[in-house]
Amino acid sequence: MLIVFCRALILYAVVFVVIRLMGKKELSKVQPFELAIIILISDLASAPMSSRNVSIFDGIVPIITLLVAYIIFTLLVHSSNKVEDIMCGKIVPIIRDGKIIEENFDKNKYTIEDIMTQLREHDVFKIQDVKFAIIENNGNLSVLKNEDGFNTVPLNIIEDGGYASENIEMLKMNESDVDKILKKEKIKLEDVLIGTIDENSNFIYQLKNEVNKK
């Protein structure tokens, strides 16, 4: 019993450290590849924790391997918006000006009840009260109500020095429109950490290392 107890403590410590190194994030907001790793880690830890016939290293080594895989996946996701879209999925508009976008509704296998349930969580009981709603890549629904009084949906058009293509498309813009804005502001795309079209169609941005320069 003492051996099993010690093995359980060691594996718990390893799993705790690995999850801690993966960063602070609510379980409901993890990406698919993160969720897969978390599930696998729990499974790998269970066998050596409960059975003395399984070497404790048979649990620890694969768990550390998954941590390395997570770090590599994370670096890949941060390296390119296109890679992020593949690994994490895209945000998808589902309601615009009180109307369901049927193409995206069918593509994401949503039902009316799915939408209404999530809208009620935002204190919305009629689809007609929604100016814009987006399915986030973790499945959550973000809602902008008509009563919020926004002229435009605030969305990032530049993220970490690259075009935020799906947001640009949702705003019915293209990359050349973004280039014109950058030219007007006399800044370069690669120098912008985040650039946003706000609710009044104004472009607001933060340059990379801007905070550190102050």
C-alpha atoms as a PDB file:
ATOM      1  CA  MET A   1       0.000   0.000   0.000  1.00  0.00           C
ATOM      2  CA  LEU A   2       2.854   2.378   0.827  1.00  0.00           C
ATOM      3  CA  ILE A   3       4.382   1.782  -2.615  1.00  0.00           C
ATOM      4  CA  VAL A   4       1.069   2.515  -4.360  1.00  0.00           C
ATOM      5  CA  PHE A   5       0.662   5.625  -2.187  1.00  0.00           C
ATOM      6  CA  CYS A   6       4.122   6.914  -3.107  1.00  0.00           C
ATOM      7  CA  ARG A   7       3.626   6.158  -6.814  1.00  0.00           C
ATOM      8  CA  ALA A   8       0.318   8.031  -6.756  1.00  0.00           C
ATOM      9  CA  LEU A   9       1.950  11.063  -5.137  1.00  0.00           C
ATOM     10  CA  ILE A  10       4.818  11.081  -7.641  1.00  0.00           C
ATOM     11  CA  LEU A  11       2.508  10.785 -10.659  1.00  0.00           C
ATOM     12  CA  TYR A  12       0.163  13.402  -9.223  1.00  0.00           C
ATOM     13  CA  ALA A  13       3.120  15.771  -8.843  1.00  0.00           C
ATOM     14  CA  VAL A  14       4.263  15.102 -12.430  1.00  0.00           C
ATOM     15  CA  VAL A  15       0.762  15.614 -13.874  1.00  0.00           C
ATOM     16  CA  PHE A  16       0.289  18.764 -11.767  1.00  0.00           C
ATOM     17  CA  VAL A  17       3.571  20.258 -12.988  1.00  0.00           C
ATOM     18  CA  VAL A  18       2.808  19.378 -16.626  1.00  0.00           C
ATOM     19  CA  ILE A  19      -0.696  20.897 -16.491  1.00  0.00           C
ATOM     20  CA  ARG A  20       0.754  23.943 -14.723  1.00  0.00           C
ATOM     21  CA  LEU A  21       3.359  24.372 -17.465  1.00  0.00           C
ATOM     22  CA  MET A  22       0.577  24.282 -20.060  1.00  0.00           C
ATOM     23  CA  GLY A  23      -0.597  27.638 -18.678  1.00  0.00           C
ATOM     24  CA  LYS A  24      -3.686  29.119 -17.074  1.00  0.00           C
ATOM     25  CA  LYS A  25      -6.796  28.440 -19.085  1.00  0.00           C
ATOM     26  CA  GLU A  26     -10.350  27.415 -18.277  1.00  0.00           C
ATOM     27  CA  LEU A  27     -11.140  23.854 -19.364  1.00  0.00           C
ATOM     28  CA  SER A  28     -14.045  25.160 -21.470  1.00  0.00           C
ATOM     29  CA  LYS A  29     -11.600  27.356 -23.389  1.00  0.00           C
ATOM     30  CA  VAL A  30      -8.898  24.832 -24.269  1.00  0.00           C
ATOM     31  CA  GLN A  31      -8.210  24.107 -27.908  1.00  0.00           C
ATOM     32  CA  PRO A  32      -8.858  20.613 -29.368  1.00  0.00           C
ATOM     33  CA  PHE A  33      -5.171  19.625 -29.368  1.00  0.00           C
ATOM     34  CA  GLU A  34      -4.861  20.785 -25.734  1.00  0.00           C
ATOM     35  CA  LEU A  35      -7.911  18.804 -24.665  1.00  0.00           C
ATOM     36  CA  ALA A  36      -6.549  15.678 -26.396  1.00  0.00           C
ATOM     37  CA  ILE A  37      -3.257  16.004 -24.499  1.00  0.00           C
ATOM     38  CA  ILE A  38      -5.030  16.508 -21.149  1.00  0.00           C
ATOM     39  CA  ILE A  39      -7.149  13.385 -21.711  1.00  0.00           C
ATOM     40  CA  LEU A  40      -4.099  11.328 -22.702  1.00  0.00           C
ATOM     41  CA  ILE A  41      -2.115  12.536 -19.675  1.00  0.00           C
ATOM     42  CA  SER A  42      -4.844  11.429 -17.279  1.00  0.00           C
ATOM     43  CA  ASP A  43      -5.018   8.019 -18.981  1.00  0.00           C
ATOM     44  CA  LEU A  44      -1.244   7.535 -18.955  1.00  0.00           C
ATOM     45  CA  ALA A  45      -1.049   8.372 -15.255  1.00  0.00           C
ATOM     46  CA  SER A  46      -3.831   6.018 -14.179  1.00  0.00           C
ATOM     47  CA  ALA A  47      -2.173   2.676 -15.054  1.00  0.00           C
ATOM     48  CA  PRO A  48       1.165   3.086 -13.191  1.00  0.00           C
ATOM     49  CA  MET A  49      -0.658   4.827 -10.355  1.00  0.00           C
ATOM     50  CA  SER A  50      -2.898   1.843  -9.614  1.00  0.00           C
ATOM     51  CA  SER A  51      -0.743  -1.124 -10.694  1.00  0.00           C
ATOM     52  CA  ARG A  52       2.645  -2.091  -9.291  1.00  0.00           C
ATOM     53  CA  ASN A  53       3.222  -4.305 -12.361  1.00  0.00           C
ATOM     54  CA  VAL A  54       3.585  -1.196 -14.508  1.00  0.00           C
ATOM     55  CA  SER A  55       6.801   0.788 -14.164  1.00  0.00           C
ATOM     56  CA  ILE A  56       6.269   4.333 -12.927  1.00  0.00           C
ATOM     57  CA  PHE A  57       8.546   5.510 -15.741  1.00  0.00           C
ATOM     58  CA  ASP A  58       6.104   3.994 -18.240  1.00  0.00           C
ATOM     59  CA  GLY A  59       3.778   6.777 -17.127  1.00  0.00           C
ATOM     60  CA  ILE A  60       6.247   9.616 -16.590  1.00  0.00           C
ATOM     61  CA  VAL A  61       8.134   9.350 -19.913  1.00  0.00           C
ATOM     62  CA  PRO A  62       5.003   9.508 -22.157  1.00  0.00           C
ATOM     63  CA  ILE A  63       3.618  12.388 -20.052  1.00  0.00           C
ATOM     64  CA  ILE A  64       6.832  14.379 -20.538  1.00  0.00           C
ATOM     65  CA  THR A  65       6.709  13.480 -24.254  1.00  0.00           C
ATOM     66  CA  LEU A  66       3.187  14.936 -24.458  1.00  0.00           C
ATOM     67  CA  LEU A  67       4.408  18.106 -22.742  1.00  0.00           C
ATOM     68  CA  VAL A  68       7.103  18.471 -25.422  1.00  0.00           C
ATOM     69  CA  ALA A  69       4.462  17.820 -28.103  1.00  0.00           C
ATOM     70  CA  TYR A  70       2.262  20.508 -26.539  1.00  0.00           C
ATOM     71  CA  ILE A  71       5.101  23.031 -26.606  1.00  0.00           C
ATOM     72  CA  ILE A  72       5.797  22.236 -30.274  1.00  0.00           C
ATOM     73  CA  PHE A  73       2.094  22.506 -31.190  1.00  0.00           C
ATOM     74  CA  THR A  74       1.858  25.826 -29.336  1.00  0.00           C
ATOM     75  CA  LEU A  75       4.880  27.232 -31.186  1.00  0.00           C
ATOM     76  CA  LEU A  76       3.366  26.111 -34.499  1.00  0.00           C
ATOM     77  CA  VAL A  77       0.025  27.738 -33.649  1.00  0.00           C
ATOM     78  CA  HIS A  78       1.733  31.014 -32.761  1.00  0.00           C
ATOM     79  CA  SER A  79       3.903  30.927 -35.885  1.00  0.00           C
ATOM     80  CA  SER A  80       1.093  31.542 -38.382  1.00  0.00           C
ATOM     81  CA  ASN A  81      -2.570  32.482 -38.481  1.00  0.00           C
ATOM     82  CA  LYS A  82      -3.148  29.780 -41.109  1.00  0.00           C
ATOM     83  CA  VAL A  83      -1.597  27.115 -38.881  1.00  0.00           C
ATOM     84  CA  GLU A  84      -3.758  28.379 -36.010  1.00  0.00           C
ATOM     85  CA  ASP A  85      -6.869  28.027 -38.177  1.00  0.00           C
ATOM     86  CA  ILE A  86      -5.949  24.425 -38.987  1.00  0.00           C
ATOM     87  CA  MET A  87      -5.040  23.458 -35.425  1.00  0.00           C
ATOM     88  CA  CYS A  88      -7.697  25.393 -33.522  1.00  0.00           C
ATOM     89  CA  GLY A  89     -10.413  26.058 -36.078  1.00  0.00           C
ATOM     90  CA  LYS A  90     -11.862  29.390 -37.210  1.00  0.00           C
ATOM     91  CA  ILE A  91     -14.362  31.687 -35.583  1.00  0.00           C
ATOM     92  CA  VAL A  92     -17.597  31.611 -37.561  1.00  0.00           C
ATOM     93  CA  PRO A  93     -20.415  34.177 -37.774  1.00  0.00           C
ATOM     94  CA  ILE A  94     -23.761  32.500 -37.087  1.00  0.00           C
ATOM     95  CA  ILE A  95     -26.160  35.488 -36.761  1.00  0.00           C
ATOM     96  CA  ARG A  96     -26.042  38.837 -38.542  1.00  0.00           C
ATOM     97  CA  ASP A  97     -28.631  41.623 -38.111  1.00  0.00           C
ATOM     98  CA  GLY A  98     -31.147  39.295 -36.450  1.00  0.00           C
ATOM     99  CA  LYS A  99     -30.895  36.599 -39.134  1.00  0.00           C
ATOM    100  CA  ILE A 100     -29.286  33.160 -38.881  1.00  0.00           C
ATOM    101  CA  ILE A 101     -26.565  32.584 -41.476  1.00  0.00           C
ATOM    102  CA  GLU A 102     -27.875  29.236 -42.688  1.00  0.00           C
ATOM    103  CA  GLU A 103     -24.695  28.117 -44.454  1.00  0.00           C
ATOM    104  CA  ASN A 104     -22.638  28.371 -41.271  1.00  0.00           C
ATOM    105  CA  PHE A 105     -25.553  27.061 -39.209  1.00  0.00           C
ATOM    106  CA  ASP A 106     -25.595  23.805 -41.219  1.00  0.00           C
ATOM    107  CA  LYS A 107     -21.830  23.536 -41.541  1.00  0.00           C
ATOM    108  CA  ASN A 108     -21.314  23.640 -37.775  1.00  0.00           C
ATOM    109  CA  LYS A 109     -24.145  21.142 -37.137  1.00  0.00           C
ATOM    110  CA  TYR A 110     -25.990  23.568 -34.866  1.00  0.00           C
ATOM    111  CA  THR A 111     -29.671  23.280 -34.025  1.00  0.00           C
ATOM    112  CA  ILE A 112     -32.023  26.148 -33.260  1.00  0.00           C
ATOM    113  CA  GLU A 113     -32.144  24.971 -29.654  1.00  0.00           C
ATOM    114  CA  ASP A 114     -28.328  25.053 -29.455  1.00  0.00           C
ATOM    115  CA  ILE A 115     -28.363  28.686 -30.532  1.00  0.00           C
ATOM    116  CA  MET A 116     -31.256  29.671 -28.269  1.00  0.00           C
ATOM    117  CA  THR A 117     -29.668  27.993 -25.245  1.00  0.00           C
ATOM    118  CA  GLN A 118     -26.448  29.948 -25.709  1.00  0.00           C
ATOM    119  CA  LEU A 119     -28.316  33.177 -26.465  1.00  0.00           C
ATOM    120  CA  ARG A 120     -30.297  32.848 -23.230  1.00  0.00           C
ATOM    121  CA  GLU A 121     -26.991  32.632 -21.371  1.00  0.00           C
ATOM    122  CA  HIS A 122     -26.375  36.148 -22.722  1.00  0.00           C
ATOM    123  CA  ASP A 123     -29.873  37.292 -21.620  1.00  0.00           C
ATOM    124  CA  VAL A 124     -31.114  37.248 -25.207  1.00  0.00           C
ATOM    125  CA  PHE A 125     -34.474  35.577 -25.880  1.00  0.00           C
ATOM    126  CA  LYS A 126     -35.065  36.618 -29.501  1.00  0.00           C
ATOM    127  CA  ILE A 127     -32.682  36.131 -32.398  1.00  0.00           C
ATOM    128  CA  GLN A 128     -34.007  39.419 -33.805  1.00  0.00           C
ATOM    129  CA  ASP A 129     -32.346  41.227 -30.855  1.00  0.00           C
ATOM    130  CA  VAL A 130     -28.907  40.106 -32.016  1.00  0.00           C
ATOM    131  CA  LYS A 131     -26.813  42.344 -34.232  1.00  0.00           C
ATOM    132  CA  PHE A 132     -23.990  39.840 -34.562  1.00  0.00           C
ATOM    133  CA  ALA A 133     -23.083  36.460 -33.030  1.00  0.00           C
ATOM    134  CA  ILE A 134     -19.918  34.449 -33.516  1.00  0.00           C
ATOM    135  CA  ILE A 135     -19.120  30.815 -32.760  1.00  0.00           C
ATOM    136  CA  GLU A 136     -15.675  30.889 -31.169  1.00  0.00           C
ATOM    137  CA  ASN A 137     -13.208  28.137 -32.021  1.00  0.00           C
ATOM    138  CA  ASN A 138     -13.892  26.525 -28.616  1.00  0.00           C
ATOM    139  CA  GLY A 139     -17.634  26.309 -29.372  1.00  0.00           C
ATOM    140  CA  ASN A 140     -18.739  29.227 -27.196  1.00  0.00           C
ATOM    141  CA  LEU A 141     -21.061  31.873 -28.629  1.00  0.00           C
ATOM    142  CA  SER A 142     -20.101  35.561 -28.464  1.00  0.00           C
ATOM    143  CA  VAL A 143     -23.058  37.911 -28.855  1.00  0.00           C
ATOM    144  CA  LEU A 144     -23.407  41.574 -29.786  1.00  0.00           C
ATOM    145  CA  LYS A 145     -26.892  42.910 -29.087  1.00  0.00           C
ATOM    146  CA  ASN A 146     -28.725  45.614 -31.002  1.00  0.00           C
ATOM    147  CA  GLU A 147     -29.097  47.553 -27.757  1.00  0.00           C
ATOM    148  CA  ASP A 148     -25.313  47.817 -27.469  1.00  0.00           C
ATOM    149  CA  GLY A 149     -25.541  50.528 -30.116  1.00  0.00           C
ATOM    150  CA  PHE A 150     -22.460  49.530 -32.112  1.00  0.00           C
ATOM    151  CA  ASN A 151     -22.270  50.634 -35.740  1.00  0.00           C
ATOM    152  CA  THR A 152     -19.770  47.887 -36.557  1.00  0.00           C
ATOM    153  CA  VAL A 153     -18.684  44.663 -34.898  1.00  0.00           C
ATOM    154  CA  PRO A 154     -15.315  45.340 -33.229  1.00  0.00           C
ATOM    155  CA  LEU A 155     -12.843  42.809 -34.635  1.00  0.00           C
ATOM    156  CA  ASN A 156      -9.081  42.512 -34.932  1.00  0.00           C
ATOM    157  CA  ILE A 157      -7.851  42.823 -38.500  1.00  0.00           C
ATOM    158  CA  ILE A 158      -4.173  42.455 -37.528  1.00  0.00           C
ATOM    159  CA  GLU A 159      -2.797  40.036 -34.961  1.00  0.00           C
ATOM    160  CA  ASP A 160       0.891  39.684 -34.126  1.00  0.00           C
ATOM    161  CA  GLY A 161       2.120  41.252 -37.352  1.00  0.00           C
ATOM    162  CA  GLY A 162      -0.188  39.291 -39.680  1.00  0.00           C
ATOM    163  CA  TYR A 163      -3.597  39.617 -41.276  1.00  0.00           C
ATOM    164  CA  ALA A 164      -6.527  38.214 -39.253  1.00  0.00           C
ATOM    165  CA  SER A 165      -8.103  36.874 -42.437  1.00  0.00           C
ATOM    166  CA  GLU A 166     -11.392  35.505 -41.068  1.00  0.00           C
ATOM    167  CA  ASN A 167     -12.082  38.763 -39.204  1.00  0.00           C
ATOM    168  CA  ILE A 168     -11.263  40.811 -42.282  1.00  0.00           C
ATOM    169  CA  GLU A 169     -13.717  38.700 -44.253  1.00  0.00           C
ATOM    170  CA  MET A 170     -16.428  39.100 -41.609  1.00  0.00           C
ATOM    171  CA  LEU A 171     -16.032  42.869 -41.822  1.00  0.00           C
ATOM    172  CA  LYS A 172     -16.481  42.569 -45.613  1.00  0.00           C
ATOM    173  CA  MET A 173     -12.979  43.896 -46.165  1.00  0.00           C
ATOM    174  CA  ASN A 174      -9.916  42.485 -47.898  1.00  0.00           C
ATOM    175  CA  GLU A 175      -6.168  42.665 -47.300  1.00  0.00           C
ATOM    176  CA  SER A 176      -5.748  45.578 -49.682  1.00  0.00           C
ATOM    177  CA  ASP A 177      -8.168  47.582 -47.494  1.00  0.00           C
ATOM    178  CA  VAL A 178      -5.948  46.834 -44.507  1.00  0.00           C
ATOM    179  CA  ASP A 179      -2.876  47.898 -46.465  1.00  0.00           C
ATOM    180  CA  LYS A 180      -4.526  51.240 -47.260  1.00  0.00           C
ATOM    181  CA  ILE A 181      -5.231  51.798 -43.544  1.00  0.00           C
ATOM    182  CA  LEU A 182      -1.618  50.977 -42.672  1.00  0.00           C
ATOM    183  CA  LYS A 183      -0.348  53.330 -45.367  1.00  0.00           C
ATOM    184  CA  LYS A 184      -2.554  56.102 -44.008  1.00  0.00           C
ATOM    185  CA  GLU A 185      -1.225  55.509 -40.483  1.00  0.00           C
ATOM    186  CA  LYS A 186       2.353  55.244 -41.838  1.00  0.00           C
ATOM    187  CA  ILE A 187       3.022  51.937 -40.117  1.00  0.00           C
ATOM    188  CA  LYS A 188       4.079  48.481 -41.320  1.00  0.00           C
ATOM    189  CA  LEU A 189       2.021  45.307 -40.930  1.00  0.00           C
ATOM    190  CA  GLU A 190       4.835  43.374 -39.249  1.00  0.00           C
ATOM    191  CA  ASP A 191       5.245  46.108 -36.612  1.00  0.00           C
ATOM    192  CA  VAL A 192       1.625  45.881 -35.374  1.00  0.00           C
ATOM    193  CA  LEU A 193       0.943  43.659 -32.362  1.00  0.00           C
ATOM    194  CA  ILE A 194      -2.822  44.123 -32.588  1.00  0.00           C
ATOM    195  CA  GLY A 195      -4.967  46.277 -34.857  1.00  0.00           C
ATOM    196  CA  THR A 196      -8.727  46.575 -34.415  1.00  0.00           C
ATOM    197  CA  ILE A 197     -11.654  48.081 -36.260  1.00  0.00           C
ATOM    198  CA  ASP A 198     -13.760  49.396 -33.378  1.00  0.00           C
ATOM    199  CA  GLU A 199     -17.524  49.842 -33.022  1.00  0.00           C
ATOM    200  CA  ASN A 200     -17.345  53.208 -34.811  1.00  0.00           C
ATOM    201  CA  SER A 201     -15.252  51.850 -37.726  1.00  0.00           C
ATOM    202  CA  ASN A 202     -12.105  53.522 -36.396  1.00  0.00           C
ATOM    203  CA  PHE A 203      -8.746  51.747 -36.608  1.00  0.00           C
ATOM    204  CA  ILE A 204      -6.980  51.456 -33.259  1.00  0.00           C
ATOM    205  CA  TYR A 205      -3.710  49.616 -32.783  1.00  0.00           C
ATOM    206  CA  GLN A 206      -0.745  48.794 -30.600  1.00  0.00           C
ATOM    207  CA  LEU A 207       2.754  48.411 -31.999  1.00  0.00           C
ATOM    208  CA  LYS A 208       5.090  45.629 -30.922  1.00  0.00           C
ATOM    209  CA  ASN A 209       7.267  46.585 -27.923  1.00  0.00           C
ATOM    210  CA  GLU A 210       5.244  49.803 -27.584  1.00  0.00           C
ATOM    211  CA  VAL A 211       4.770  49.334 -23.835  1.00  0.00           C
ATOM    212  CA  ASN A 212       8.441  48.550 -23.248  1.00  0.00           C
ATOM    213  CA  LYS A 213       9.513  51.732 -24.996  1.00  0.00           C
ATOM    214  CA  LYS A 214       7.642  53.926 -22.507  1.00  0.00           C
END
